[in-house]
PDB file of N, CA and C in Angstrom:
ATOM      1  N   UNK A   1     -30.764   4.644   4.960  1.00  0.00           N
ATOM      2  CA  UNK A   1     -31.747   3.912   5.746  1.00  0.00           C
ATOM      3  C   UNK A   1     -31.181   3.686   7.148  1.00  0.00           C
ATOM      4  N   UNK A   2     -32.010   3.771   8.138  1.00  0.00           N
ATOM      5  CA  UNK A   2     -31.597   3.516   9.517  1.00  0.00           C
ATOM      6  C   UNK A   2     -31.312   2.035   9.712  1.00  0.00           C
ATOM      7  N   UNK A   3     -30.694   1.716  10.838  1.00  0.00           N
ATOM      8  CA  UNK A   3     -30.467   0.308  11.166  1.00  0.00           C
ATOM      9  C   UNK A   3     -31.816  -0.406  11.213  1.00  0.00           C
ATOM     10  N   UNK A   4     -31.879  -1.558  10.604  1.00  0.00           N
ATOM     11  CA  UNK A   4     -33.122  -2.327  10.524  1.00  0.00           C
ATOM     12  C   UNK A   4     -33.320  -3.147  11.787  1.00  0.00           C
ATOM     13  N   UNK A   5     -32.260  -3.826  12.216  1.00  0.00           N
ATOM     14  CA  UNK A   5     -32.306  -4.647  13.432  1.00  0.00           C
ATOM     15  C   UNK A   5     -31.311  -4.096  14.441  1.00  0.00           C
ATOM     16  N   UNK A   6     -31.527  -4.442  15.686  1.00  0.00           N
ATOM     17  CA  UNK A   6     -30.659  -3.976  16.760  1.00  0.00           C
ATOM     18  C   UNK A   6     -30.176  -5.182  17.544  1.00  0.00           C
ATOM     19  N   UNK A   7     -28.860  -5.331  17.666  1.00  0.00           N
ATOM     20  CA  UNK A   7     -28.318  -6.441  18.438  1.00  0.00           C
ATOM     21  C   UNK A   7     -27.801  -5.909  19.777  1.00  0.00           C
ATOM     22  N   UNK A   8     -28.089  -6.643  20.818  1.00  0.00           N
ATOM     23  CA  UNK A   8     -27.638  -6.262  22.157  1.00  0.00           C
ATOM     24  C   UNK A   8     -26.140  -6.545  22.275  1.00  0.00           C
ATOM     25  N   UNK A   9     -25.535  -5.994  23.324  1.00  0.00           N
ATOM     26  CA  UNK A   9     -24.120  -6.273  23.573  1.00  0.00           C
ATOM     27  C   UNK A   9     -23.894  -7.757  23.825  1.00  0.00           C
ATOM     28  N   UNK A  10     -24.826  -8.396  24.550  1.00  0.00           N
ATOM     29  CA  UNK A  10     -24.703  -9.834  24.826  1.00  0.00           C
ATOM     30  C   UNK A  10     -24.747 -10.635  23.527  1.00  0.00           C
ATOM     31  N   UNK A  11     -25.645 -10.280  22.614  1.00  0.00           N
ATOM     32  CA  UNK A  11     -25.737 -10.973  21.322  1.00  0.00           C
ATOM     33  C   UNK A  11     -24.470 -10.725  20.511  1.00  0.00           C
ATOM     34  N   UNK A  12     -23.972  -9.492  20.528  1.00  0.00           N
ATOM     35  CA  UNK A  12     -22.764  -9.165  19.782  1.00  0.00           C
ATOM     36  C   UNK A  12     -21.565  -9.971  20.289  1.00  0.00           C
ATOM     37  N   UNK A  13     -21.445 -10.089  21.601  1.00  0.00           N
ATOM     38  CA  UNK A  13     -20.351 -10.879  22.164  1.00  0.00           C
ATOM     39  C   UNK A  13     -20.435 -12.335  21.719  1.00  0.00           C
ATOM     40  N   UNK A  14     -21.634 -12.902  21.734  1.00  0.00           N
ATOM     41  CA  UNK A  14     -21.813 -14.292  21.319  1.00  0.00           C
ATOM     42  C   UNK A  14     -21.517 -14.451  19.826  1.00  0.00           C
ATOM     43  N   UNK A  15     -21.969 -13.506  19.011  1.00  0.00           N
ATOM     44  CA  UNK A  15     -21.713 -13.565  17.570  1.00  0.00           C
ATOM     45  C   UNK A  15     -20.217 -13.497  17.305  1.00  0.00           C
ATOM     46  N   UNK A  16     -19.511 -12.601  18.010  1.00  0.00           N
ATOM     47  CA  UNK A  16     -18.059 -12.486  17.835  1.00  0.00           C
ATOM     48  C   UNK A  16     -17.358 -13.775  18.249  1.00  0.00           C
ATOM     49  N   UNK A  17     -17.820 -14.403  19.335  1.00  0.00           N
ATOM     50  CA  UNK A  17     -17.241 -15.684  19.758  1.00  0.00           C
ATOM     51  C   UNK A  17     -17.461 -16.757  18.692  1.00  0.00           C
ATOM     52  N   UNK A  18     -18.655 -16.775  18.105  1.00  0.00           N
ATOM     53  CA  UNK A  18     -18.955 -17.749  17.055  1.00  0.00           C
ATOM     54  C   UNK A  18     -18.104 -17.486  15.816  1.00  0.00           C
ATOM     55  N   UNK A  19     -17.915 -16.210  15.487  1.00  0.00           N
ATOM     56  CA  UNK A  19     -17.065 -15.864  14.341  1.00  0.00           C
ATOM     57  C   UNK A  19     -15.640 -16.370  14.572  1.00  0.00           C
ATOM     58  N   UNK A  20     -15.123 -16.147  15.778  1.00  0.00           N
ATOM     59  CA  UNK A  20     -13.768 -16.579  16.095  1.00  0.00           C
ATOM     60  C   UNK A  20     -13.663 -18.098  16.064  1.00  0.00           C
ATOM     61  N   UNK A  21     -14.625 -18.790  16.681  1.00  0.00           N
ATOM     62  CA  UNK A  21     -14.601 -20.252  16.734  1.00  0.00           C
ATOM     63  C   UNK A  21     -14.672 -20.872  15.343  1.00  0.00           C
ATOM     64  N   UNK A  22     -15.350 -20.196  14.410  1.00  0.00           N
ATOM     65  CA  UNK A  22     -15.505 -20.713  13.044  1.00  0.00           C
ATOM     66  C   UNK A  22     -14.527 -20.076  12.065  1.00  0.00           C
ATOM     67  N   UNK A  23     -13.539 -19.349  12.613  1.00  0.00           N
ATOM     68  CA  UNK A  23     -12.547 -18.656  11.784  1.00  0.00           C
ATOM     69  C   UNK A  23     -13.217 -17.772  10.740  1.00  0.00           C
ATOM     70  N   UNK A  24     -14.216 -17.026  11.193  1.00  0.00           N
ATOM     71  CA  UNK A  24     -14.988 -16.130  10.322  1.00  0.00           C
ATOM     72  C   UNK A  24     -14.906 -14.682  10.812  1.00  0.00           C
ATOM     73  N   UNK A  25     -13.769 -14.302  11.416  1.00  0.00           N
ATOM     74  CA  UNK A  25     -13.650 -12.964  12.003  1.00  0.00           C
ATOM     75  C   UNK A  25     -13.908 -11.840  11.011  1.00  0.00           C
ATOM     76  N   UNK A  26     -13.672 -12.061   9.727  1.00  0.00           N
ATOM     77  CA  UNK A  26     -13.863 -11.020   8.722  1.00  0.00           C
ATOM     78  C   UNK A  26     -15.219 -11.107   8.032  1.00  0.00           C
ATOM     79  N   UNK A  27     -16.061 -11.998   8.499  1.00  0.00           N
ATOM     80  CA  UNK A  27     -17.372 -12.182   7.873  1.00  0.00           C
ATOM     81  C   UNK A  27     -18.342 -11.081   8.297  1.00  0.00           C
ATOM     82  N   UNK A  28     -19.419 -10.988   7.556  1.00  0.00           N
ATOM     83  CA  UNK A  28     -20.527 -10.105   7.887  1.00  0.00           C
ATOM     84  C   UNK A  28     -21.653 -10.971   8.431  1.00  0.00           C
ATOM     85  N   UNK A  29     -22.512 -10.400   9.235  1.00  0.00           N
ATOM     86  CA  UNK A  29     -23.659 -11.126   9.761  1.00  0.00           C
ATOM     87  C   UNK A  29     -24.870 -10.828   8.901  1.00  0.00           C
ATOM     88  N   UNK A  30     -25.459 -11.874   8.309  1.00  0.00           N
ATOM     89  CA  UNK A  30     -26.678 -11.698   7.518  1.00  0.00           C
ATOM     90  C   UNK A  30     -27.870 -12.107   8.374  1.00  0.00           C
ATOM     91  N   UNK A  31     -28.837 -11.183   8.515  1.00  0.00           N
ATOM     92  CA  UNK A  31     -30.097 -11.461   9.200  1.00  0.00           C
ATOM     93  C   UNK A  31     -31.164 -11.491   8.123  1.00  0.00           C
ATOM     94  N   UNK A  32     -31.971 -12.554   8.112  1.00  0.00           N
ATOM     95  CA  UNK A  32     -32.916 -12.722   7.018  1.00  0.00           C
ATOM     96  C   UNK A  32     -34.239 -13.312   7.493  1.00  0.00           C
ATOM     97  N   UNK A  33     -35.165 -13.347   6.564  1.00  0.00           N
ATOM     98  CA  UNK A  33     -36.472 -13.957   6.772  1.00  0.00           C
ATOM     99  C   UNK A  33     -36.693 -14.909   5.604  1.00  0.00           C
ATOM    100  N   UNK A  34     -37.229 -16.085   5.904  1.00  0.00           N
ATOM    101  CA  UNK A  34     -37.558 -17.024   4.828  1.00  0.00           C
ATOM    102  C   UNK A  34     -38.921 -17.624   5.100  1.00  0.00           C
ATOM    103  N   UNK A  35     -39.551 -18.122   4.061  1.00  0.00           N
ATOM    104  CA  UNK A  35     -40.842 -18.769   4.198  1.00  0.00           C
ATOM    105  C   UNK A  35     -40.683 -20.089   4.909  1.00  0.00           C
ATOM    106  N   UNK A  36     -41.696 -20.461   5.697  1.00  0.00           N
ATOM    107  CA  UNK A  36     -41.666 -21.741   6.382  1.00  0.00           C
ATOM    108  C   UNK A  36     -41.891 -21.574   7.868  1.00  0.00           C
ATOM    109  N   UNK A  37     -41.732 -22.641   8.590  1.00  0.00           N
ATOM    110  CA  UNK A  37     -41.985 -22.626  10.021  1.00  0.00           C
ATOM    111  C   UNK A  37     -43.467 -22.776  10.300  1.00  0.00           C
ATOM    112  N   UNK A  38     -43.813 -22.977  11.545  1.00  0.00           N
ATOM    113  CA  UNK A  38     -45.207 -23.219  11.940  1.00  0.00           C
ATOM    114  C   UNK A  38     -46.132 -22.049  11.588  1.00  0.00           C
ATOM    115  N   UNK A  39     -45.617 -20.822  11.723  1.00  0.00           N
ATOM    116  CA  UNK A  39     -46.466 -19.644  11.520  1.00  0.00           C
ATOM    117  C   UNK A  39     -46.317 -19.014  10.148  1.00  0.00           C
ATOM    118  N   UNK A  40     -45.413 -19.529   9.311  1.00  0.00           N
ATOM    119  CA  UNK A  40     -45.322 -19.035   7.946  1.00  0.00           C
ATOM    120  C   UNK A  40     -44.004 -18.385   7.580  1.00  0.00           C
ATOM    121  N   UNK A  41     -43.324 -17.745   8.527  1.00  0.00           N
ATOM    122  CA  UNK A  41     -42.029 -17.122   8.278  1.00  0.00           C
ATOM    123  C   UNK A  41     -41.064 -17.558   9.374  1.00  0.00           C
ATOM    124  N   UNK A  42     -39.791 -17.628   9.060  1.00  0.00           N
ATOM    125  CA  UNK A  42     -38.802 -17.929  10.087  1.00  0.00           C
ATOM    126  C   UNK A  42     -37.575 -17.050   9.889  1.00  0.00           C
ATOM    127  N   UNK A  43     -36.847 -16.857  10.966  1.00  0.00           N
ATOM    128  CA  UNK A  43     -35.662 -16.015  10.954  1.00  0.00           C
ATOM    129  C   UNK A  43     -34.454 -16.823  10.527  1.00  0.00           C
ATOM    130  N   UNK A  44     -33.498 -16.125   9.949  1.00  0.00           N
ATOM    131  CA  UNK A  44     -32.225 -16.735   9.620  1.00  0.00           C
ATOM    132  C   UNK A  44     -31.096 -15.804  10.014  1.00  0.00           C
ATOM    133  N   UNK A  45     -30.023 -16.369  10.527  1.00  0.00           N
ATOM    134  CA  UNK A  45     -28.809 -15.611  10.810  1.00  0.00           C
ATOM    135  C   UNK A  45     -27.638 -16.477  10.376  1.00  0.00           C
ATOM    136  N   UNK A  46     -26.710 -15.859   9.683  1.00  0.00           N
ATOM    137  CA  UNK A  46     -25.546 -16.605   9.254  1.00  0.00           C
ATOM    138  C   UNK A  46     -24.455 -15.662   8.805  1.00  0.00           C
ATOM    139  N   UNK A  47     -23.316 -16.226   8.469  1.00  0.00           N
ATOM    140  CA  UNK A  47     -22.185 -15.428   8.038  1.00  0.00           C
ATOM    141  C   UNK A  47     -22.189 -15.278   6.527  1.00  0.00           C
ATOM    142  N   UNK A  48     -21.822 -14.100   6.064  1.00  0.00           N
ATOM    143  CA  UNK A  48     -21.730 -13.814   4.636  1.00  0.00           C
ATOM    144  C   UNK A  48     -20.361 -13.203   4.364  1.00  0.00           C
ATOM    145  N   UNK A  49     -19.928 -13.315   3.112  1.00  0.00           N
ATOM    146  CA  UNK A  49     -18.616 -12.779   2.753  1.00  0.00           C
ATOM    147  C   UNK A  49     -18.705 -11.697   1.698  1.00  0.00           C
ATOM    148  N   UNK A  50     -19.907 -11.494   1.150  1.00  0.00           N
ATOM    149  CA  UNK A  50     -20.082 -10.472   0.122  1.00  0.00           C
ATOM    150  C   UNK A  50     -21.367  -9.713   0.376  1.00  0.00           C
ATOM    151  N   UNK A  51     -21.321  -8.423   0.068  1.00  0.00           N
ATOM    152  CA  UNK A  51     -22.508  -7.584   0.116  1.00  0.00           C
ATOM    153  C   UNK A  51     -23.177  -7.694  -1.247  1.00  0.00           C
ATOM    154  N   UNK A  52     -24.462  -8.055  -1.234  1.00  0.00           N
ATOM    155  CA  UNK A  52     -25.205  -8.164  -2.485  1.00  0.00           C
ATOM    156  C   UNK A  52     -25.872  -6.831  -2.812  1.00  0.00           C
ATOM    157  N   UNK A  53     -26.205  -6.649  -4.069  1.00  0.00           N
ATOM    158  CA  UNK A  53     -26.782  -5.386  -4.535  1.00  0.00           C
ATOM    159  C   UNK A  53     -28.046  -5.006  -3.769  1.00  0.00           C
ATOM    160  N   UNK A  54     -28.842  -5.982  -3.371  1.00  0.00           N
ATOM    161  CA  UNK A  54     -30.111  -5.711  -2.692  1.00  0.00           C
ATOM    162  C   UNK A  54     -29.962  -5.613  -1.170  1.00  0.00           C
ATOM    163  N   UNK A  55     -28.728  -5.542  -0.659  1.00  0.00           N
ATOM    164  CA  UNK A  55     -28.498  -5.511   0.784  1.00  0.00           C
ATOM    165  C   UNK A  55     -28.455  -4.093   1.334  1.00  0.00           C
ATOM    166  N   UNK A  56     -28.946  -3.969   2.549  1.00  0.00           N
ATOM    167  CA  UNK A  56     -28.705  -2.801   3.383  1.00  0.00           C
ATOM    168  C   UNK A  56     -27.611  -3.228   4.353  1.00  0.00           C
ATOM    169  N   UNK A  57     -26.586  -2.387   4.502  1.00  0.00           N
ATOM    170  CA  UNK A  57     -25.473  -2.724   5.384  1.00  0.00           C
ATOM    171  C   UNK A  57     -25.334  -1.661   6.465  1.00  0.00           C
ATOM    172  N   UNK A  58     -25.116  -2.101   7.700  1.00  0.00           N
ATOM    173  CA  UNK A  58     -24.888  -1.185   8.811  1.00  0.00           C
ATOM    174  C   UNK A  58     -24.037  -1.902   9.843  1.00  0.00           C
ATOM    175  N   UNK A  59     -23.527  -1.156  10.824  1.00  0.00           N
ATOM    176  CA  UNK A  59     -22.613  -1.706  11.808  1.00  0.00           C
ATOM    177  C   UNK A  59     -23.122  -1.442  13.219  1.00  0.00           C
ATOM    178  N   UNK A  60     -23.003  -2.460  14.072  1.00  0.00           N
ATOM    179  CA  UNK A  60     -23.331  -2.329  15.495  1.00  0.00           C
ATOM    180  C   UNK A  60     -22.351  -3.162  16.303  1.00  0.00           C
ATOM    181  N   UNK A  61     -21.836  -2.594  17.365  1.00  0.00           N
ATOM    182  CA  UNK A  61     -20.925  -3.300  18.281  1.00  0.00           C
ATOM    183  C   UNK A  61     -19.754  -3.938  17.534  1.00  0.00           C
ATOM    184  N   UNK A  62     -19.301  -3.291  16.463  1.00  0.00           N
ATOM    185  CA  UNK A  62     -18.170  -3.809  15.709  1.00  0.00           C
ATOM    186  C   UNK A  62     -18.507  -4.927  14.745  1.00  0.00           C
ATOM    187  N   UNK A  63     -19.787  -5.192  14.528  1.00  0.00           N
ATOM    188  CA  UNK A  63     -20.215  -6.244  13.607  1.00  0.00           C
ATOM    189  C   UNK A  63     -20.915  -5.601  12.417  1.00  0.00           C
ATOM    190  N   UNK A  64     -20.469  -5.959  11.212  1.00  0.00           N
ATOM    191  CA  UNK A  64     -21.131  -5.503   9.994  1.00  0.00           C
ATOM    192  C   UNK A  64     -22.348  -6.399   9.763  1.00  0.00           C
ATOM    193  N   UNK A  65     -23.523  -5.784   9.614  1.00  0.00           N
ATOM    194  CA  UNK A  65     -24.785  -6.514   9.492  1.00  0.00           C
ATOM    195  C   UNK A  65     -25.387  -6.259   8.119  1.00  0.00           C
ATOM    196  N   UNK A  66     -25.899  -7.318   7.498  1.00  0.00           N
ATOM    197  CA  UNK A  66     -26.573  -7.229   6.211  1.00  0.00           C
ATOM    198  C   UNK A  66     -28.023  -7.659   6.357  1.00  0.00           C
ATOM    199  N   UNK A  67     -28.923  -6.904   5.719  1.00  0.00           N
ATOM    200  CA  UNK A  67     -30.332  -7.276   5.620  1.00  0.00           C
ATOM    201  C   UNK A  67     -30.755  -6.991   4.187  1.00  0.00           C
ATOM    202  N   UNK A  68     -31.341  -7.980   3.528  1.00  0.00           N
ATOM    203  CA  UNK A  68     -31.855  -7.789   2.176  1.00  0.00           C
ATOM    204  C   UNK A  68     -32.987  -6.769   2.224  1.00  0.00           C
ATOM    205  N   UNK A  69     -33.044  -5.888   1.236  1.00  0.00           N
ATOM    206  CA  UNK A  69     -34.056  -4.825   1.219  1.00  0.00           C
ATOM    207  C   UNK A  69     -35.486  -5.367   1.203  1.00  0.00           C
ATOM    208  N   UNK A  70     -35.694  -6.588   0.681  1.00  0.00           N
ATOM    209  CA  UNK A  70     -37.032  -7.197   0.713  1.00  0.00           C
ATOM    210  C   UNK A  70     -37.413  -7.626   2.127  1.00  0.00           C
ATOM    211  N   UNK A  71     -36.421  -8.042   2.919  1.00  0.00           N
ATOM    212  CA  UNK A  71     -36.677  -8.471   4.294  1.00  0.00           C
ATOM    213  C   UNK A  71     -36.770  -7.291   5.264  1.00  0.00           C
ATOM    214  N   UNK A  72     -36.209  -6.150   4.886  1.00  0.00           N
ATOM    215  CA  UNK A  72     -36.124  -4.998   5.791  1.00  0.00           C
ATOM    216  C   UNK A  72     -37.471  -4.576   6.387  1.00  0.00           C
ATOM    217  N   UNK A  73     -38.559  -4.456   5.603  1.00  0.00           N
ATOM    218  CA  UNK A  73     -39.825  -4.036   6.216  1.00  0.00           C
ATOM    219  C   UNK A  73     -40.350  -5.035   7.255  1.00  0.00           C
ATOM    220  N   UNK A  74     -40.089  -6.320   7.048  1.00  0.00           N
ATOM    221  CA  UNK A  74     -40.542  -7.352   7.977  1.00  0.00           C
ATOM    222  C   UNK A  74     -39.715  -7.320   9.256  1.00  0.00           C
ATOM    223  N   UNK A  75     -38.429  -6.981   9.133  1.00  0.00           N
ATOM    224  CA  UNK A  75     -37.517  -6.997  10.272  1.00  0.00           C
ATOM    225  C   UNK A  75     -37.356  -5.642  10.960  1.00  0.00           C
ATOM    226  N   UNK A  76     -37.908  -4.576  10.390  1.00  0.00           N
ATOM    227  CA  UNK A  76     -37.697  -3.231  10.916  1.00  0.00           C
ATOM    228  C   UNK A  76     -38.014  -3.150  12.411  1.00  0.00           C
ATOM    229  N   UNK A  77     -37.023  -2.725  13.201  1.00  0.00           N
ATOM    230  CA  UNK A  77     -37.207  -2.568  14.636  1.00  0.00           C
ATOM    231  C   UNK A  77     -36.966  -3.827  15.452  1.00  0.00           C
ATOM    232  N   UNK A  78     -36.578  -4.921  14.813  1.00  0.00           N
ATOM    233  CA  UNK A  78     -36.351  -6.188  15.509  1.00  0.00           C
ATOM    234  C   UNK A  78     -35.137  -6.086  16.424  1.00  0.00           C
ATOM    235  N   UNK A  79     -35.272  -6.653  17.628  1.00  0.00           N
ATOM    236  CA  UNK A  79     -34.188  -6.670  18.602  1.00  0.00           C
ATOM    237  C   UNK A  79     -33.717  -8.106  18.786  1.00  0.00           C
ATOM    238  N   UNK A  80     -32.403  -8.296  18.667  1.00  0.00           N
ATOM    239  CA  UNK A  80     -31.794  -9.613  18.837  1.00  0.00           C
ATOM    240  C   UNK A  80     -30.954  -9.575  20.101  1.00  0.00           C
ATOM    241  N   UNK A  81     -31.212 -10.512  20.996  1.00  0.00           N
ATOM    242  CA  UNK A  81     -30.490 -10.584  22.263  1.00  0.00           C
ATOM    243  C   UNK A  81     -29.969 -12.006  22.431  1.00  0.00           C
ATOM    244  N   UNK A  82     -29.105 -12.193  23.404  1.00  0.00           N
ATOM    245  CA  UNK A  82     -28.619 -13.524  23.741  1.00  0.00           C
ATOM    246  C   UNK A  82     -28.821 -13.719  25.234  1.00  0.00           C
ATOM    247  N   UNK A  83     -29.532 -14.769  25.602  1.00  0.00           N
ATOM    248  CA  UNK A  83     -29.831 -15.059  27.006  1.00  0.00           C
ATOM    249  C   UNK A  83     -29.121 -16.329  27.419  1.00  0.00           C
ATOM    250  N   UNK A  84     -28.493 -16.277  28.571  1.00  0.00           N
ATOM    251  CA  UNK A  84     -27.822 -17.444  29.137  1.00  0.00           C
ATOM    252  C   UNK A  84     -28.611 -17.893  30.362  1.00  0.00           C
ATOM    253  N   UNK A  85     -28.850 -19.195  30.488  1.00  0.00           N
ATOM    254  CA  UNK A  85     -29.553 -19.728  31.656  1.00  0.00           C
ATOM    255  C   UNK A  85     -28.868 -21.016  32.096  1.00  0.00           C
ATOM    256  N   UNK A  86     -29.381 -21.617  33.148  1.00  0.00           N
ATOM    257  CA  UNK A  86     -28.825 -22.877  33.642  1.00  0.00           C
ATOM    258  C   UNK A  86     -28.929 -23.989  32.597  1.00  0.00           C
ATOM    259  N   UNK A  87     -29.903 -23.875  31.699  1.00  0.00           N
ATOM    260  CA  UNK A  87     -30.123 -24.901  30.685  1.00  0.00           C
ATOM    261  C   UNK A  87     -29.352 -24.611  29.396  1.00  0.00           C
ATOM    262  N   UNK A  88     -28.555 -23.569  29.380  1.00  0.00           N
ATOM    263  CA  UNK A  88     -27.805 -23.202  28.185  1.00  0.00           C
ATOM    264  C   UNK A  88     -28.189 -21.800  27.737  1.00  0.00           C
ATOM    265  N   UNK A  89     -27.787 -21.457  26.550  1.00  0.00           N
ATOM    266  CA  UNK A  89     -28.063 -20.126  26.046  1.00  0.00           C
ATOM    267  C   UNK A  89     -28.660 -20.166  24.658  1.00  0.00           C
ATOM    268  N   UNK A  90     -29.166 -19.039  24.252  1.00  0.00           N
ATOM    269  CA  UNK A  90     -29.714 -18.948  22.914  1.00  0.00           C
ATOM    270  C   UNK A  90     -30.098 -17.524  22.559  1.00  0.00           C
ATOM    271  N   UNK A  91     -30.219 -17.288  21.277  1.00  0.00           N
ATOM    272  CA  UNK A  91     -30.633 -15.979  20.785  1.00  0.00           C
ATOM    273  C   UNK A  91     -32.135 -15.824  20.950  1.00  0.00           C
ATOM    274  N   UNK A  92     -32.560 -14.622  21.309  1.00  0.00           N
ATOM    275  CA  UNK A  92     -33.979 -14.288  21.353  1.00  0.00           C
ATOM    276  C   UNK A  92     -34.219 -13.175  20.356  1.00  0.00           C
ATOM    277  N   UNK A  93     -35.360 -13.213  19.715  1.00  0.00           N
ATOM    278  CA  UNK A  93     -35.703 -12.223  18.698  1.00  0.00           C
ATOM    279  C   UNK A  93     -37.044 -11.615  19.056  1.00  0.00           C
ATOM    280  N   UNK A  94     -37.062 -10.297  19.169  1.00  0.00           N
ATOM    281  CA  UNK A  94     -38.285  -9.555  19.472  1.00  0.00           C
ATOM    282  C   UNK A  94     -38.594  -8.678  18.272  1.00  0.00           C
ATOM    283  N   UNK A  95     -39.587  -9.099  17.487  1.00  0.00           N
ATOM    284  CA  UNK A  95     -39.969  -8.391  16.267  1.00  0.00           C
ATOM    285  C   UNK A  95     -41.292  -7.684  16.506  1.00  0.00           C
ATOM    286  N   UNK A  96     -41.304  -6.343  16.509  1.00  0.00           N
ATOM    287  CA  UNK A  96     -42.548  -5.617  16.742  1.00  0.00           C
ATOM    288  C   UNK A  96     -43.567  -5.781  15.623  1.00  0.00           C
ATOM    289  N   UNK A  97     -43.149  -6.303  14.476  1.00  0.00           N
ATOM    290  CA  UNK A  97     -44.047  -6.499  13.340  1.00  0.00           C
ATOM    291  C   UNK A  97     -44.765  -7.841  13.371  1.00  0.00           C
ATOM    292  N   UNK A  98     -44.316  -8.758  14.218  1.00  0.00           N
ATOM    293  CA  UNK A  98     -44.924 -10.086  14.294  1.00  0.00           C
ATOM    294  C   UNK A  98     -46.262  -9.993  15.027  1.00  0.00           C
ATOM    295  N   UNK A  99     -47.292 -10.546  14.409  1.00  0.00           N
ATOM    296  CA  UNK A  99     -48.618 -10.550  15.046  1.00  0.00           C
ATOM    297  C   UNK A  99     -48.947 -11.916  15.627  1.00  0.00           C
ATOM    298  N   UNK A 100     -48.175 -12.941  15.239  1.00  0.00           N
ATOM    299  CA  UNK A 100     -48.370 -14.287  15.774  1.00  0.00           C
ATOM    300  C   UNK A 100     -47.059 -15.029  15.657  1.00  0.00           C
ATOM    301  N   UNK A 101     -46.809 -15.916  16.607  1.00  0.00           N
ATOM    302  CA  UNK A 101     -45.629 -16.752  16.533  1.00  0.00           C
ATOM    303  C   UNK A 101     -45.981 -18.127  17.075  1.00  0.00           C
ATOM    304  N   UNK A 102     -45.146 -19.102  16.747  1.00  0.00           N
ATOM    305  CA  UNK A 102     -45.420 -20.455  17.213  1.00  0.00           C
ATOM    306  C   UNK A 102     -44.794 -20.660  18.585  1.00  0.00           C
ATOM    307  N   UNK A 103     -45.067 -21.778  19.187  1.00  0.00           N
ATOM    308  CA  UNK A 103     -44.581 -22.066  20.528  1.00  0.00           C
ATOM    309  C   UNK A 103     -43.071 -22.126  20.624  1.00  0.00           C
ATOM    310  N   UNK A 104     -42.398 -22.510  19.552  1.00  0.00           N
ATOM    311  CA  UNK A 104     -40.933 -22.610  19.613  1.00  0.00           C
ATOM    312  C   UNK A 104     -40.281 -21.246  19.496  1.00  0.00           C
ATOM    313  N   UNK A 105     -41.026 -20.231  19.056  1.00  0.00           N
ATOM    314  CA  UNK A 105     -40.512 -18.873  19.009  1.00  0.00           C
ATOM    315  C   UNK A 105     -39.654 -18.544  17.811  1.00  0.00           C
ATOM    316  N   UNK A 106     -39.423 -19.488  16.912  1.00  0.00           N
ATOM    317  CA  UNK A 106     -38.575 -19.208  15.764  1.00  0.00           C
ATOM    318  C   UNK A 106     -39.376 -18.962  14.492  1.00  0.00           C
ATOM    319  N   UNK A 107     -40.685 -19.032  14.585  1.00  0.00           N
ATOM    320  CA  UNK A 107     -41.544 -18.839  13.436  1.00  0.00           C
ATOM    321  C   UNK A 107     -42.576 -17.773  13.774  1.00  0.00           C
ATOM    322  N   UNK A 108     -42.941 -16.968  12.771  1.00  0.00           N
ATOM    323  CA  UNK A 108     -43.856 -15.859  13.021  1.00  0.00           C
ATOM    324  C   UNK A 108     -44.588 -15.481  11.745  1.00  0.00           C
ATOM    325  N   UNK A 109     -45.521 -14.550  11.848  1.00  0.00           N
ATOM    326  CA  UNK A 109     -46.134 -13.933  10.675  1.00  0.00           C
ATOM    327  C   UNK A 109     -46.428 -12.486  11.021  1.00  0.00           C
ATOM    328  N   UNK A 110     -46.530 -11.668   9.970  1.00  0.00           N
ATOM    329  CA  UNK A 110     -46.850 -10.255  10.154  1.00  0.00           C
ATOM    330  C   UNK A 110     -48.208  -9.996   9.527  1.00  0.00           C
ATOM    331  N   UNK A 111     -48.753  -8.821   9.755  1.00  0.00           N
ATOM    332  CA  UNK A 111     -50.045  -8.475   9.165  1.00  0.00           C
ATOM    333  C   UNK A 111     -49.956  -8.452   7.643  1.00  0.00           C
ATOM    334  N   UNK A 112     -48.804  -8.038   7.115  1.00  0.00           N
ATOM    335  CA  UNK A 112     -48.649  -7.911   5.669  1.00  0.00           C
ATOM    336  C   UNK A 112     -48.084  -9.158   5.008  1.00  0.00           C
ATOM    337  N   UNK A 113     -47.493 -10.073   5.760  1.00  0.00           N
ATOM    338  CA  UNK A 113     -46.832 -11.225   5.167  1.00  0.00           C
ATOM    339  C   UNK A 113     -47.038 -12.443   6.051  1.00  0.00           C
ATOM    340  N   UNK A 114     -47.844 -13.386   5.554  1.00  0.00           N
ATOM    341  CA  UNK A 114     -48.129 -14.593   6.339  1.00  0.00           C
ATOM    342  C   UNK A 114     -47.197 -15.744   5.995  1.00  0.00           C
ATOM    343  N   UNK A 115     -46.449 -15.647   4.890  1.00  0.00           N
ATOM    344  CA  UNK A 115     -45.543 -16.723   4.517  1.00  0.00           C
ATOM    345  C   UNK A 115     -46.304 -17.991   4.188  1.00  0.00           C
ATOM    346  N   UNK A 116     -45.601 -19.121   4.222  1.00  0.00           N
ATOM    347  CA  UNK A 116     -46.192 -20.421   3.937  1.00  0.00           C
ATOM    348  C   UNK A 116     -45.935 -21.342   5.119  1.00  0.00           C
ATOM    349  N   UNK A 117     -46.948 -21.531   5.977  1.00  0.00           N
ATOM    350  CA  UNK A 117     -46.735 -22.363   7.173  1.00  0.00           C
ATOM    351  C   UNK A 117     -46.398 -23.805   6.831  1.00  0.00           C
ATOM    352  N   UNK A 118     -45.588 -24.396   7.683  1.00  0.00           N
ATOM    353  CA  UNK A 118     -45.255 -25.824   7.598  1.00  0.00           C
ATOM    354  C   UNK A 118     -45.659 -26.462   8.913  1.00  0.00           C
ATOM    355  N   UNK A 119     -45.744 -27.774   8.945  1.00  0.00           N
ATOM    356  CA  UNK A 119     -46.026 -28.448  10.207  1.00  0.00           C
ATOM    357  C   UNK A 119     -44.802 -28.397  11.094  1.00  0.00           C
ATOM    358  N   UNK A 120     -45.024 -28.229  12.405  1.00  0.00           N
ATOM    359  CA  UNK A 120     -43.900 -28.228  13.356  1.00  0.00           C
ATOM    360  C   UNK A 120     -43.480 -29.636  13.677  1.00  0.00           C
TER     361      UNK A 120
END
């Protein structure tokens, strides 16, 4: 399977800094989708230490990335970037499969999966 998500160099640098700060240099990055948020689905990113049977694993910018095979169709083609501004920095996620998102930008829905919306 091809890479499901694509992380920019800026995002990779920030992820590596976070791994170092949390003493997680040997961890893998898990990108996921879970039910909830204003629009029904929300993104998740965190460190993992084991590859699960249902995971797709690939590498970008020296970071091992995991995506569960159930989440892969929802995340296919998603671009993760890191933007720095005068007000601070944060990750941005551009998912071509999202047909709607909430104002905070962390919740979305796709044509095939609406999830379970929660109040913001």
